[in-house]
PDBML (XML) file of the C-alpha atoms, coordinates in Angstrom:
<?xml version="1.0" encoding="UTF-8" ?>
<PDBx:datablock datablockName="MODEL"
   xmlns:PDBx="http://pdbml.pdb.org/schema/pdbx-v50.xsd"
   xmlns:xsi="http://www.w3.org/2001/XMLSchema-instance"
   xsi:schemaLocation="http://pdbml.pdb.org/schema/pdbx-v50.xsd pdbx-v50.xsd">
   <PDBx:atom_siteCategory>
      <PDBx:atom_site id="1">
         <PDBx:B_iso_or_equiv>0.00</PDBx:B_iso_or_equiv>
         <PDBx:Cartn_x>0.000</PDBx:Cartn_x>
         <PDBx:Cartn_y>0.000</PDBx:Cartn_y>
         <PDBx:Cartn_z>0.000</PDBx:Cartn_z>
         <PDBx:auth_asym_id>A</PDBx:auth_asym_id>
         <PDBx:auth_atom_id>CA</PDBx:auth_atom_id>
         <PDBx:auth_comp_id>PRO</PDBx:auth_comp_id>
         <PDBx:auth_seq_id>1</PDBx:auth_seq_id>
         <PDBx:group_PDB>ATOM</PDBx:group_PDB>
         <PDBx:label_alt_id xsi:nil="true" />
         <PDBx:label_asym_id>A</PDBx:label_asym_id>
         <PDBx:label_atom_id>CA</PDBx:label_atom_id>
         <PDBx:label_comp_id>PRO</PDBx:label_comp_id>
         <PDBx:label_entity_id>1</PDBx:label_entity_id>
         <PDBx:label_seq_id>1</PDBx:label_seq_id>
         <PDBx:occupancy>1.00</PDBx:occupancy>
         <PDBx:pdbx_PDB_model_num>1</PDBx:pdbx_PDB_model_num>
         <PDBx:type_symbol>C</PDBx:type_symbol>
      </PDBx:atom_site>
      <PDBx:atom_site id="2">
         <PDBx:B_iso_or_equiv>0.00</PDBx:B_iso_or_equiv>
         <PDBx:Cartn_x>1.148</PDBx:Cartn_x>
         <PDBx:Cartn_y>3.550</PDBx:Cartn_y>
         <PDBx:Cartn_z>-0.743</PDBx:Cartn_z>
         <PDBx:auth_asym_id>A</PDBx:auth_asym_id>
         <PDBx:auth_atom_id>CA</PDBx:auth_atom_id>
         <PDBx:auth_comp_id>ASP</PDBx:auth_comp_id>
         <PDBx:auth_seq_id>2</PDBx:auth_seq_id>
         <PDBx:group_PDB>ATOM</PDBx:group_PDB>
         <PDBx:label_alt_id xsi:nil="true" />
         <PDBx:label_asym_id>A</PDBx:label_asym_id>
         <PDBx:label_atom_id>CA</PDBx:label_atom_id>
         <PDBx:label_comp_id>ASP</PDBx:label_comp_id>
         <PDBx:label_entity_id>1</PDBx:label_entity_id>
         <PDBx:label_seq_id>2</PDBx:label_seq_id>
         <PDBx:occupancy>1.00</PDBx:occupancy>
         <PDBx:pdbx_PDB_model_num>1</PDBx:pdbx_PDB_model_num>
         <PDBx:type_symbol>C</PDBx:type_symbol>
      </PDBx:atom_site>
      <PDBx:atom_site id="3">
         <PDBx:B_iso_or_equiv>0.00</PDBx:B_iso_or_equiv>
         <PDBx:Cartn_x>0.424</PDBx:Cartn_x>
         <PDBx:Cartn_y>4.476</PDBx:Cartn_y>
         <PDBx:Cartn_z>2.876</PDBx:Cartn_z>
         <PDBx:auth_asym_id>A</PDBx:auth_asym_id>
         <PDBx:auth_atom_id>CA</PDBx:auth_atom_id>
         <PDBx:auth_comp_id>THR</PDBx:auth_comp_id>
         <PDBx:auth_seq_id>3</PDBx:auth_seq_id>
         <PDBx:group_PDB>ATOM</PDBx:group_PDB>
         <PDBx:label_alt_id xsi:nil="true" />
         <PDBx:label_asym_id>A</PDBx:label_asym_id>
         <PDBx:label_atom_id>CA</PDBx:label_atom_id>
         <PDBx:label_comp_id>THR</PDBx:label_comp_id>
         <PDBx:label_entity_id>1</PDBx:label_entity_id>
         <PDBx:label_seq_id>3</PDBx:label_seq_id>
         <PDBx:occupancy>1.00</PDBx:occupancy>
         <PDBx:pdbx_PDB_model_num>1</PDBx:pdbx_PDB_model_num>
         <PDBx:type_symbol>C</PDBx:type_symbol>
      </PDBx:atom_site>
      <PDBx:atom_site id="4">
         <PDBx:B_iso_or_equiv>0.00</PDBx:B_iso_or_equiv>
         <PDBx:Cartn_x>2.798</PDBx:Cartn_x>
         <PDBx:Cartn_y>1.834</PDBx:Cartn_y>
         <PDBx:Cartn_z>4.290</PDBx:Cartn_z>
         <PDBx:auth_asym_id>A</PDBx:auth_asym_id>
         <PDBx:auth_atom_id>CA</PDBx:auth_atom_id>
         <PDBx:auth_comp_id>SER</PDBx:auth_comp_id>
         <PDBx:auth_seq_id>4</PDBx:auth_seq_id>
         <PDBx:group_PDB>ATOM</PDBx:group_PDB>
         <PDBx:label_alt_id xsi:nil="true" />
         <PDBx:label_asym_id>A</PDBx:label_asym_id>
         <PDBx:label_atom_id>CA</PDBx:label_atom_id>
         <PDBx:label_comp_id>SER</PDBx:label_comp_id>
         <PDBx:label_entity_id>1</PDBx:label_entity_id>
         <PDBx:label_seq_id>4</PDBx:label_seq_id>
         <PDBx:occupancy>1.00</PDBx:occupancy>
         <PDBx:pdbx_PDB_model_num>1</PDBx:pdbx_PDB_model_num>
         <PDBx:type_symbol>C</PDBx:type_symbol>
      </PDBx:atom_site>
      <PDBx:atom_site id="5">
         <PDBx:B_iso_or_equiv>0.00</PDBx:B_iso_or_equiv>
         <PDBx:Cartn_x>6.521</PDBx:Cartn_x>
         <PDBx:Cartn_y>1.893</PDBx:Cartn_y>
         <PDBx:Cartn_z>4.813</PDBx:Cartn_z>
         <PDBx:auth_asym_id>A</PDBx:auth_asym_id>
         <PDBx:auth_atom_id>CA</PDBx:auth_atom_id>
         <PDBx:auth_comp_id>SER</PDBx:auth_comp_id>
         <PDBx:auth_seq_id>5</PDBx:auth_seq_id>
         <PDBx:group_PDB>ATOM</PDBx:group_PDB>
         <PDBx:label_alt_id xsi:nil="true" />
         <PDBx:label_asym_id>A</PDBx:label_asym_id>
         <PDBx:label_atom_id>CA</PDBx:label_atom_id>
         <PDBx:label_comp_id>SER</PDBx:label_comp_id>
         <PDBx:label_entity_id>1</PDBx:label_entity_id>
         <PDBx:label_seq_id>5</PDBx:label_seq_id>
         <PDBx:occupancy>1.00</PDBx:occupancy>
         <PDBx:pdbx_PDB_model_num>1</PDBx:pdbx_PDB_model_num>
         <PDBx:type_symbol>C</PDBx:type_symbol>
      </PDBx:atom_site>
      <PDBx:atom_site id="6">
         <PDBx:B_iso_or_equiv>0.00</PDBx:B_iso_or_equiv>
         <PDBx:Cartn_x>8.618</PDBx:Cartn_x>
         <PDBx:Cartn_y>-1.067</PDBx:Cartn_y>
         <PDBx:Cartn_z>3.681</PDBx:Cartn_z>
         <PDBx:auth_asym_id>A</PDBx:auth_asym_id>
         <PDBx:auth_atom_id>CA</PDBx:auth_atom_id>
         <PDBx:auth_comp_id>PHE</PDBx:auth_comp_id>
         <PDBx:auth_seq_id>6</PDBx:auth_seq_id>
         <PDBx:group_PDB>ATOM</PDBx:group_PDB>
         <PDBx:label_alt_id xsi:nil="true" />
         <PDBx:label_asym_id>A</PDBx:label_asym_id>
         <PDBx:label_atom_id>CA</PDBx:label_atom_id>
         <PDBx:label_comp_id>PHE</PDBx:label_comp_id>
         <PDBx:label_entity_id>1</PDBx:label_entity_id>
         <PDBx:label_seq_id>6</PDBx:label_seq_id>
         <PDBx:occupancy>1.00</PDBx:occupancy>
         <PDBx:pdbx_PDB_model_num>1</PDBx:pdbx_PDB_model_num>
         <PDBx:type_symbol>C</PDBx:type_symbol>
      </PDBx:atom_site>
      <PDBx:atom_site id="7">
         <PDBx:B_iso_or_equiv>0.00</PDBx:B_iso_or_equiv>
         <PDBx:Cartn_x>8.968</PDBx:Cartn_x>
         <PDBx:Cartn_y>-2.166</PDBx:Cartn_y>
         <PDBx:Cartn_z>7.310</PDBx:Cartn_z>
         <PDBx:auth_asym_id>A</PDBx:auth_asym_id>
         <PDBx:auth_atom_id>CA</PDBx:auth_atom_id>
         <PDBx:auth_comp_id>ALA</PDBx:auth_comp_id>
         <PDBx:auth_seq_id>7</PDBx:auth_seq_id>
         <PDBx:group_PDB>ATOM</PDBx:group_PDB>
         <PDBx:label_alt_id xsi:nil="true" />
         <PDBx:label_asym_id>A</PDBx:label_asym_id>
         <PDBx:label_atom_id>CA</PDBx:label_atom_id>
         <PDBx:label_comp_id>ALA</PDBx:label_comp_id>
         <PDBx:label_entity_id>1</PDBx:label_entity_id>
         <PDBx:label_seq_id>7</PDBx:label_seq_id>
         <PDBx:occupancy>1.00</PDBx:occupancy>
         <PDBx:pdbx_PDB_model_num>1</PDBx:pdbx_PDB_model_num>
         <PDBx:type_symbol>C</PDBx:type_symbol>
      </PDBx:atom_site>
      <PDBx:atom_site id="8">
         <PDBx:B_iso_or_equiv>0.00</PDBx:B_iso_or_equiv>
         <PDBx:Cartn_x>5.205</PDBx:Cartn_x>
         <PDBx:Cartn_y>-2.015</PDBx:Cartn_y>
         <PDBx:Cartn_z>7.906</PDBx:Cartn_z>
         <PDBx:auth_asym_id>A</PDBx:auth_asym_id>
         <PDBx:auth_atom_id>CA</PDBx:auth_atom_id>
         <PDBx:auth_comp_id>GLU</PDBx:auth_comp_id>
         <PDBx:auth_seq_id>8</PDBx:auth_seq_id>
         <PDBx:group_PDB>ATOM</PDBx:group_PDB>
         <PDBx:label_alt_id xsi:nil="true" />
         <PDBx:label_asym_id>A</PDBx:label_asym_id>
         <PDBx:label_atom_id>CA</PDBx:label_atom_id>
         <PDBx:label_comp_id>GLU</PDBx:label_comp_id>
         <PDBx:label_entity_id>1</PDBx:label_entity_id>
         <PDBx:label_seq_id>8</PDBx:label_seq_id>
         <PDBx:occupancy>1.00</PDBx:occupancy>
         <PDBx:pdbx_PDB_model_num>1</PDBx:pdbx_PDB_model_num>
         <PDBx:type_symbol>C</PDBx:type_symbol>
      </PDBx:atom_site>
      <PDBx:atom_site id="9">
         <PDBx:B_iso_or_equiv>0.00</PDBx:B_iso_or_equiv>
         <PDBx:Cartn_x>4.411</PDBx:Cartn_x>
         <PDBx:Cartn_y>-3.890</PDBx:Cartn_y>
         <PDBx:Cartn_z>4.715</PDBx:Cartn_z>
         <PDBx:auth_asym_id>A</PDBx:auth_asym_id>
         <PDBx:auth_atom_id>CA</PDBx:auth_atom_id>
         <PDBx:auth_comp_id>ALA</PDBx:auth_comp_id>
         <PDBx:auth_seq_id>9</PDBx:auth_seq_id>
         <PDBx:group_PDB>ATOM</PDBx:group_PDB>
         <PDBx:label_alt_id xsi:nil="true" />
         <PDBx:label_asym_id>A</PDBx:label_asym_id>
         <PDBx:label_atom_id>CA</PDBx:label_atom_id>
         <PDBx:label_comp_id>ALA</PDBx:label_comp_id>
         <PDBx:label_entity_id>1</PDBx:label_entity_id>
         <PDBx:label_seq_id>9</PDBx:label_seq_id>
         <PDBx:occupancy>1.00</PDBx:occupancy>
         <PDBx:pdbx_PDB_model_num>1</PDBx:pdbx_PDB_model_num>
         <PDBx:type_symbol>C</PDBx:type_symbol>
      </PDBx:atom_site>
      <PDBx:atom_site id="10">
         <PDBx:B_iso_or_equiv>0.00</PDBx:B_iso_or_equiv>
         <PDBx:Cartn_x>7.020</PDBx:Cartn_x>
         <PDBx:Cartn_y>-6.543</PDBx:Cartn_y>
         <PDBx:Cartn_z>5.494</PDBx:Cartn_z>
         <PDBx:auth_asym_id>A</PDBx:auth_asym_id>
         <PDBx:auth_atom_id>CA</PDBx:auth_atom_id>
         <PDBx:auth_comp_id>ALA</PDBx:auth_comp_id>
         <PDBx:auth_seq_id>10</PDBx:auth_seq_id>
         <PDBx:group_PDB>ATOM</PDBx:group_PDB>
         <PDBx:label_alt_id xsi:nil="true" />
         <PDBx:label_asym_id>A</PDBx:label_asym_id>
         <PDBx:label_atom_id>CA</PDBx:label_atom_id>
         <PDBx:label_comp_id>ALA</PDBx:label_comp_id>
         <PDBx:label_entity_id>1</PDBx:label_entity_id>
         <PDBx:label_seq_id>10</PDBx:label_seq_id>
         <PDBx:occupancy>1.00</PDBx:occupancy>
         <PDBx:pdbx_PDB_model_num>1</PDBx:pdbx_PDB_model_num>
         <PDBx:type_symbol>C</PDBx:type_symbol>
      </PDBx:atom_site>
      <PDBx:atom_site id="11">
         <PDBx:B_iso_or_equiv>0.00</PDBx:B_iso_or_equiv>
         <PDBx:Cartn_x>5.470</PDBx:Cartn_x>
         <PDBx:Cartn_y>-7.132</PDBx:Cartn_y>
         <PDBx:Cartn_z>8.916</PDBx:Cartn_z>
         <PDBx:auth_asym_id>A</PDBx:auth_asym_id>
         <PDBx:auth_atom_id>CA</PDBx:auth_atom_id>
         <PDBx:auth_comp_id>SER</PDBx:auth_comp_id>
         <PDBx:auth_seq_id>11</PDBx:auth_seq_id>
         <PDBx:group_PDB>ATOM</PDBx:group_PDB>
         <PDBx:label_alt_id xsi:nil="true" />
         <PDBx:label_asym_id>A</PDBx:label_asym_id>
         <PDBx:label_atom_id>CA</PDBx:label_atom_id>
         <PDBx:label_comp_id>SER</PDBx:label_comp_id>
         <PDBx:label_entity_id>1</PDBx:label_entity_id>
         <PDBx:label_seq_id>11</PDBx:label_seq_id>
         <PDBx:occupancy>1.00</PDBx:occupancy>
         <PDBx:pdbx_PDB_model_num>1</PDBx:pdbx_PDB_model_num>
         <PDBx:type_symbol>C</PDBx:type_symbol>
      </PDBx:atom_site>
      <PDBx:atom_site id="12">
         <PDBx:B_iso_or_equiv>0.00</PDBx:B_iso_or_equiv>
         <PDBx:Cartn_x>1.949</PDBx:Cartn_x>
         <PDBx:Cartn_y>-7.767</PDBx:Cartn_y>
         <PDBx:Cartn_z>7.598</PDBx:Cartn_z>
         <PDBx:auth_asym_id>A</PDBx:auth_asym_id>
         <PDBx:auth_atom_id>CA</PDBx:auth_atom_id>
         <PDBx:auth_comp_id>LEU</PDBx:auth_comp_id>
         <PDBx:auth_seq_id>12</PDBx:auth_seq_id>
         <PDBx:group_PDB>ATOM</PDBx:group_PDB>
         <PDBx:label_alt_id xsi:nil="true" />
         <PDBx:label_asym_id>A</PDBx:label_asym_id>
         <PDBx:label_atom_id>CA</PDBx:label_atom_id>
         <PDBx:label_comp_id>LEU</PDBx:label_comp_id>
         <PDBx:label_entity_id>1</PDBx:label_entity_id>
         <PDBx:label_seq_id>12</PDBx:label_seq_id>
         <PDBx:occupancy>1.00</PDBx:occupancy>
         <PDBx:pdbx_PDB_model_num>1</PDBx:pdbx_PDB_model_num>
         <PDBx:type_symbol>C</PDBx:type_symbol>
      </PDBx:atom_site>
      <PDBx:atom_site id="13">
         <PDBx:B_iso_or_equiv>0.00</PDBx:B_iso_or_equiv>
         <PDBx:Cartn_x>2.401</PDBx:Cartn_x>
         <PDBx:Cartn_y>-11.457</PDBx:Cartn_y>
         <PDBx:Cartn_z>6.760</PDBx:Cartn_z>
         <PDBx:auth_asym_id>A</PDBx:auth_asym_id>
         <PDBx:auth_atom_id>CA</PDBx:auth_atom_id>
         <PDBx:auth_comp_id>PRO</PDBx:auth_comp_id>
         <PDBx:auth_seq_id>13</PDBx:auth_seq_id>
         <PDBx:group_PDB>ATOM</PDBx:group_PDB>
         <PDBx:label_alt_id xsi:nil="true" />
         <PDBx:label_asym_id>A</PDBx:label_asym_id>
         <PDBx:label_atom_id>CA</PDBx:label_atom_id>
         <PDBx:label_comp_id>PRO</PDBx:label_comp_id>
         <PDBx:label_entity_id>1</PDBx:label_entity_id>
         <PDBx:label_seq_id>13</PDBx:label_seq_id>
         <PDBx:occupancy>1.00</PDBx:occupancy>
         <PDBx:pdbx_PDB_model_num>1</PDBx:pdbx_PDB_model_num>
         <PDBx:type_symbol>C</PDBx:type_symbol>
      </PDBx:atom_site>
      <PDBx:atom_site id="14">
         <PDBx:B_iso_or_equiv>0.00</PDBx:B_iso_or_equiv>
         <PDBx:Cartn_x>4.034</PDBx:Cartn_x>
         <PDBx:Cartn_y>-12.171</PDBx:Cartn_y>
         <PDBx:Cartn_z>10.143</PDBx:Cartn_z>
         <PDBx:auth_asym_id>A</PDBx:auth_asym_id>
         <PDBx:auth_atom_id>CA</PDBx:auth_atom_id>
         <PDBx:auth_comp_id>LEU</PDBx:auth_comp_id>
         <PDBx:auth_seq_id>14</PDBx:auth_seq_id>
         <PDBx:group_PDB>ATOM</PDBx:group_PDB>
         <PDBx:label_alt_id xsi:nil="true" />
         <PDBx:label_asym_id>A</PDBx:label_asym_id>
         <PDBx:label_atom_id>CA</PDBx:label_atom_id>
         <PDBx:label_comp_id>LEU</PDBx:label_comp_id>
         <PDBx:label_entity_id>1</PDBx:label_entity_id>
         <PDBx:label_seq_id>14</PDBx:label_seq_id>
         <PDBx:occupancy>1.00</PDBx:occupancy>
         <PDBx:pdbx_PDB_model_num>1</PDBx:pdbx_PDB_model_num>
         <PDBx:type_symbol>C</PDBx:type_symbol>
      </PDBx:atom_site>
      <PDBx:atom_site id="15">
         <PDBx:B_iso_or_equiv>0.00</PDBx:B_iso_or_equiv>
         <PDBx:Cartn_x>0.754</PDBx:Cartn_x>
         <PDBx:Cartn_y>-12.968</PDBx:Cartn_y>
         <PDBx:Cartn_z>11.923</PDBx:Cartn_z>
         <PDBx:auth_asym_id>A</PDBx:auth_asym_id>
         <PDBx:auth_atom_id>CA</PDBx:auth_atom_id>
         <PDBx:auth_comp_id>VAL</PDBx:auth_comp_id>
         <PDBx:auth_seq_id>15</PDBx:auth_seq_id>
         <PDBx:group_PDB>ATOM</PDBx:group_PDB>
         <PDBx:label_alt_id xsi:nil="true" />
         <PDBx:label_asym_id>A</PDBx:label_asym_id>
         <PDBx:label_atom_id>CA</PDBx:label_atom_id>
         <PDBx:label_comp_id>VAL</PDBx:label_comp_id>
         <PDBx:label_entity_id>1</PDBx:label_entity_id>
         <PDBx:label_seq_id>15</PDBx:label_seq_id>
         <PDBx:occupancy>1.00</PDBx:occupancy>
         <PDBx:pdbx_PDB_model_num>1</PDBx:pdbx_PDB_model_num>
         <PDBx:type_symbol>C</PDBx:type_symbol>
      </PDBx:atom_site>
      <PDBx:atom_site id="16">
         <PDBx:B_iso_or_equiv>0.00</PDBx:B_iso_or_equiv>
         <PDBx:Cartn_x>-0.355</PDBx:Cartn_x>
         <PDBx:Cartn_y>-15.253</PDBx:Cartn_y>
         <PDBx:Cartn_z>9.107</PDBx:Cartn_z>
         <PDBx:auth_asym_id>A</PDBx:auth_asym_id>
         <PDBx:auth_atom_id>CA</PDBx:auth_atom_id>
         <PDBx:auth_comp_id>LEU</PDBx:auth_comp_id>
         <PDBx:auth_seq_id>16</PDBx:auth_seq_id>
         <PDBx:group_PDB>ATOM</PDBx:group_PDB>
         <PDBx:label_alt_id xsi:nil="true" />
         <PDBx:label_asym_id>A</PDBx:label_asym_id>
         <PDBx:label_atom_id>CA</PDBx:label_atom_id>
         <PDBx:label_comp_id>LEU</PDBx:label_comp_id>
         <PDBx:label_entity_id>1</PDBx:label_entity_id>
         <PDBx:label_seq_id>16</PDBx:label_seq_id>
         <PDBx:occupancy>1.00</PDBx:occupancy>
         <PDBx:pdbx_PDB_model_num>1</PDBx:pdbx_PDB_model_num>
         <PDBx:type_symbol>C</PDBx:type_symbol>
      </PDBx:atom_site>
      <PDBx:atom_site id="17">
         <PDBx:B_iso_or_equiv>0.00</PDBx:B_iso_or_equiv>
         <PDBx:Cartn_x>2.964</PDBx:Cartn_x>
         <PDBx:Cartn_y>-17.104</PDBx:Cartn_y>
         <PDBx:Cartn_z>9.065</PDBx:Cartn_z>
         <PDBx:auth_asym_id>A</PDBx:auth_asym_id>
         <PDBx:auth_atom_id>CA</PDBx:auth_atom_id>
         <PDBx:auth_comp_id>ILE</PDBx:auth_comp_id>
         <PDBx:auth_seq_id>17</PDBx:auth_seq_id>
         <PDBx:group_PDB>ATOM</PDBx:group_PDB>
         <PDBx:label_alt_id xsi:nil="true" />
         <PDBx:label_asym_id>A</PDBx:label_asym_id>
         <PDBx:label_atom_id>CA</PDBx:label_atom_id>
         <PDBx:label_comp_id>ILE</PDBx:label_comp_id>
         <PDBx:label_entity_id>1</PDBx:label_entity_id>
         <PDBx:label_seq_id>17</PDBx:label_seq_id>
         <PDBx:occupancy>1.00</PDBx:occupancy>
         <PDBx:pdbx_PDB_model_num>1</PDBx:pdbx_PDB_model_num>
         <PDBx:type_symbol>C</PDBx:type_symbol>
      </PDBx:atom_site>
      <PDBx:atom_site id="18">
         <PDBx:B_iso_or_equiv>0.00</PDBx:B_iso_or_equiv>
         <PDBx:Cartn_x>2.865</PDBx:Cartn_x>
         <PDBx:Cartn_y>-17.492</PDBx:Cartn_y>
         <PDBx:Cartn_z>12.862</PDBx:Cartn_z>
         <PDBx:auth_asym_id>A</PDBx:auth_asym_id>
         <PDBx:auth_atom_id>CA</PDBx:auth_atom_id>
         <PDBx:auth_comp_id>THR</PDBx:auth_comp_id>
         <PDBx:auth_seq_id>18</PDBx:auth_seq_id>
         <PDBx:group_PDB>ATOM</PDBx:group_PDB>
         <PDBx:label_alt_id xsi:nil="true" />
         <PDBx:label_asym_id>A</PDBx:label_asym_id>
         <PDBx:label_atom_id>CA</PDBx:label_atom_id>
         <PDBx:label_comp_id>THR</PDBx:label_comp_id>
         <PDBx:label_entity_id>1</PDBx:label_entity_id>
         <PDBx:label_seq_id>18</PDBx:label_seq_id>
         <PDBx:occupancy>1.00</PDBx:occupancy>
         <PDBx:pdbx_PDB_model_num>1</PDBx:pdbx_PDB_model_num>
         <PDBx:type_symbol>C</PDBx:type_symbol>
      </PDBx:atom_site>
      <PDBx:atom_site id="19">
         <PDBx:B_iso_or_equiv>0.00</PDBx:B_iso_or_equiv>
         <PDBx:Cartn_x>-0.724</PDBx:Cartn_x>
         <PDBx:Cartn_y>-18.775</PDBx:Cartn_y>
         <PDBx:Cartn_z>12.883</PDBx:Cartn_z>
         <PDBx:auth_asym_id>A</PDBx:auth_asym_id>
         <PDBx:auth_atom_id>CA</PDBx:auth_atom_id>
         <PDBx:auth_comp_id>ALA</PDBx:auth_comp_id>
         <PDBx:auth_seq_id>19</PDBx:auth_seq_id>
         <PDBx:group_PDB>ATOM</PDBx:group_PDB>
         <PDBx:label_alt_id xsi:nil="true" />
         <PDBx:label_asym_id>A</PDBx:label_asym_id>
         <PDBx:label_atom_id>CA</PDBx:label_atom_id>
         <PDBx:label_comp_id>ALA</PDBx:label_comp_id>
         <PDBx:label_entity_id>1</PDBx:label_entity_id>
         <PDBx:label_seq_id>19</PDBx:label_seq_id>
         <PDBx:occupancy>1.00</PDBx:occupancy>
         <PDBx:pdbx_PDB_model_num>1</PDBx:pdbx_PDB_model_num>
         <PDBx:type_symbol>C</PDBx:type_symbol>
      </PDBx:atom_site>
      <PDBx:atom_site id="20">
         <PDBx:B_iso_or_equiv>0.00</PDBx:B_iso_or_equiv>
         <PDBx:Cartn_x>-0.116</PDBx:Cartn_x>
         <PDBx:Cartn_y>-21.147</PDBx:Cartn_y>
         <PDBx:Cartn_z>9.958</PDBx:Cartn_z>
         <PDBx:auth_asym_id>A</PDBx:auth_asym_id>
         <PDBx:auth_atom_id>CA</PDBx:auth_atom_id>
         <PDBx:auth_comp_id>TRP</PDBx:auth_comp_id>
         <PDBx:auth_seq_id>20</PDBx:auth_seq_id>
         <PDBx:group_PDB>ATOM</PDBx:group_PDB>
         <PDBx:label_alt_id xsi:nil="true" />
         <PDBx:label_asym_id>A</PDBx:label_asym_id>
         <PDBx:label_atom_id>CA</PDBx:label_atom_id>
         <PDBx:label_comp_id>TRP</PDBx:label_comp_id>
         <PDBx:label_entity_id>1</PDBx:label_entity_id>
         <PDBx:label_seq_id>20</PDBx:label_seq_id>
         <PDBx:occupancy>1.00</PDBx:occupancy>
         <PDBx:pdbx_PDB_model_num>1</PDBx:pdbx_PDB_model_num>
         <PDBx:type_symbol>C</PDBx:type_symbol>
      </PDBx:atom_site>
      <PDBx:atom_site id="21">
         <PDBx:B_iso_or_equiv>0.00</PDBx:B_iso_or_equiv>
         <PDBx:Cartn_x>3.044</PDBx:Cartn_x>
         <PDBx:Cartn_y>-22.552</PDBx:Cartn_y>
         <PDBx:Cartn_z>11.500</PDBx:Cartn_z>
         <PDBx:auth_asym_id>A</PDBx:auth_asym_id>
         <PDBx:auth_atom_id>CA</PDBx:auth_atom_id>
         <PDBx:auth_comp_id>GLY</PDBx:auth_comp_id>
         <PDBx:auth_seq_id>21</PDBx:auth_seq_id>
         <PDBx:group_PDB>ATOM</PDBx:group_PDB>
         <PDBx:label_alt_id xsi:nil="true" />
         <PDBx:label_asym_id>A</PDBx:label_asym_id>
         <PDBx:label_atom_id>CA</PDBx:label_atom_id>
         <PDBx:label_comp_id>GLY</PDBx:label_comp_id>
         <PDBx:label_entity_id>1</PDBx:label_entity_id>
         <PDBx:label_seq_id>21</PDBx:label_seq_id>
         <PDBx:occupancy>1.00</PDBx:occupancy>
         <PDBx:pdbx_PDB_model_num>1</PDBx:pdbx_PDB_model_num>
         <PDBx:type_symbol>C</PDBx:type_symbol>
      </PDBx:atom_site>
      <PDBx:atom_site id="22">
         <PDBx:B_iso_or_equiv>0.00</PDBx:B_iso_or_equiv>
         <PDBx:Cartn_x>1.403</PDBx:Cartn_x>
         <PDBx:Cartn_y>-23.214</PDBx:Cartn_y>
         <PDBx:Cartn_z>14.851</PDBx:Cartn_z>
         <PDBx:auth_asym_id>A</PDBx:auth_asym_id>
         <PDBx:auth_atom_id>CA</PDBx:auth_atom_id>
         <PDBx:auth_comp_id>GLY</PDBx:auth_comp_id>
         <PDBx:auth_seq_id>22</PDBx:auth_seq_id>
         <PDBx:group_PDB>ATOM</PDBx:group_PDB>
         <PDBx:label_alt_id xsi:nil="true" />
         <PDBx:label_asym_id>A</PDBx:label_asym_id>
         <PDBx:label_atom_id>CA</PDBx:label_atom_id>
         <PDBx:label_comp_id>GLY</PDBx:label_comp_id>
         <PDBx:label_entity_id>1</PDBx:label_entity_id>
         <PDBx:label_seq_id>22</PDBx:label_seq_id>
         <PDBx:occupancy>1.00</PDBx:occupancy>
         <PDBx:pdbx_PDB_model_num>1</PDBx:pdbx_PDB_model_num>
         <PDBx:type_symbol>C</PDBx:type_symbol>
      </PDBx:atom_site>
      <PDBx:atom_site id="23">
         <PDBx:B_iso_or_equiv>0.00</PDBx:B_iso_or_equiv>
         <PDBx:Cartn_x>-1.819</PDBx:Cartn_x>
         <PDBx:Cartn_y>-24.693</PDBx:Cartn_y>
         <PDBx:Cartn_z>13.540</PDBx:Cartn_z>
         <PDBx:auth_asym_id>A</PDBx:auth_asym_id>
         <PDBx:auth_atom_id>CA</PDBx:auth_atom_id>
         <PDBx:auth_comp_id>LEU</PDBx:auth_comp_id>
         <PDBx:auth_seq_id>23</PDBx:auth_seq_id>
         <PDBx:group_PDB>ATOM</PDBx:group_PDB>
         <PDBx:label_alt_id xsi:nil="true" />
         <PDBx:label_asym_id>A</PDBx:label_asym_id>
         <PDBx:label_atom_id>CA</PDBx:label_atom_id>
         <PDBx:label_comp_id>LEU</PDBx:label_comp_id>
         <PDBx:label_entity_id>1</PDBx:label_entity_id>
         <PDBx:label_seq_id>23</PDBx:label_seq_id>
         <PDBx:occupancy>1.00</PDBx:occupancy>
         <PDBx:pdbx_PDB_model_num>1</PDBx:pdbx_PDB_model_num>
         <PDBx:type_symbol>C</PDBx:type_symbol>
      </PDBx:atom_site>
      <PDBx:atom_site id="24">
         <PDBx:B_iso_or_equiv>0.00</PDBx:B_iso_or_equiv>
         <PDBx:Cartn_x>-0.607</PDBx:Cartn_x>
         <PDBx:Cartn_y>-26.722</PDBx:Cartn_y>
         <PDBx:Cartn_z>10.587</PDBx:Cartn_z>
         <PDBx:auth_asym_id>A</PDBx:auth_asym_id>
         <PDBx:auth_atom_id>CA</PDBx:auth_atom_id>
         <PDBx:auth_comp_id>PHE</PDBx:auth_comp_id>
         <PDBx:auth_seq_id>24</PDBx:auth_seq_id>
         <PDBx:group_PDB>ATOM</PDBx:group_PDB>
         <PDBx:label_alt_id xsi:nil="true" />
         <PDBx:label_asym_id>A</PDBx:label_asym_id>
         <PDBx:label_atom_id>CA</PDBx:label_atom_id>
         <PDBx:label_comp_id>PHE</PDBx:label_comp_id>
         <PDBx:label_entity_id>1</PDBx:label_entity_id>
         <PDBx:label_seq_id>24</PDBx:label_seq_id>
         <PDBx:occupancy>1.00</PDBx:occupancy>
         <PDBx:pdbx_PDB_model_num>1</PDBx:pdbx_PDB_model_num>
         <PDBx:type_symbol>C</PDBx:type_symbol>
      </PDBx:atom_site>
      <PDBx:atom_site id="25">
         <PDBx:B_iso_or_equiv>0.00</PDBx:B_iso_or_equiv>
         <PDBx:Cartn_x>3.178</PDBx:Cartn_x>
         <PDBx:Cartn_y>-27.122</PDBx:Cartn_y>
         <PDBx:Cartn_z>10.474</PDBx:Cartn_z>
         <PDBx:auth_asym_id>A</PDBx:auth_asym_id>
         <PDBx:auth_atom_id>CA</PDBx:auth_atom_id>
         <PDBx:auth_comp_id>ASP</PDBx:auth_comp_id>
         <PDBx:auth_seq_id>25</PDBx:auth_seq_id>
         <PDBx:group_PDB>ATOM</PDBx:group_PDB>
         <PDBx:label_alt_id xsi:nil="true" />
         <PDBx:label_asym_id>A</PDBx:label_asym_id>
         <PDBx:label_atom_id>CA</PDBx:label_atom_id>
         <PDBx:label_comp_id>ASP</PDBx:label_comp_id>
         <PDBx:label_entity_id>1</PDBx:label_entity_id>
         <PDBx:label_seq_id>25</PDBx:label_seq_id>
         <PDBx:occupancy>1.00</PDBx:occupancy>
         <PDBx:pdbx_PDB_model_num>1</PDBx:pdbx_PDB_model_num>
         <PDBx:type_symbol>C</PDBx:type_symbol>
      </PDBx:atom_site>
   </PDBx:atom_siteCategory>
</PDBx:datablock>
């Protein structure tokens, strides 16, 4: 998104990766 910094945008998938890893992996 134009309103996000690179750091903010990079952090967005973190919650998904954490949830996926715990539930499925």
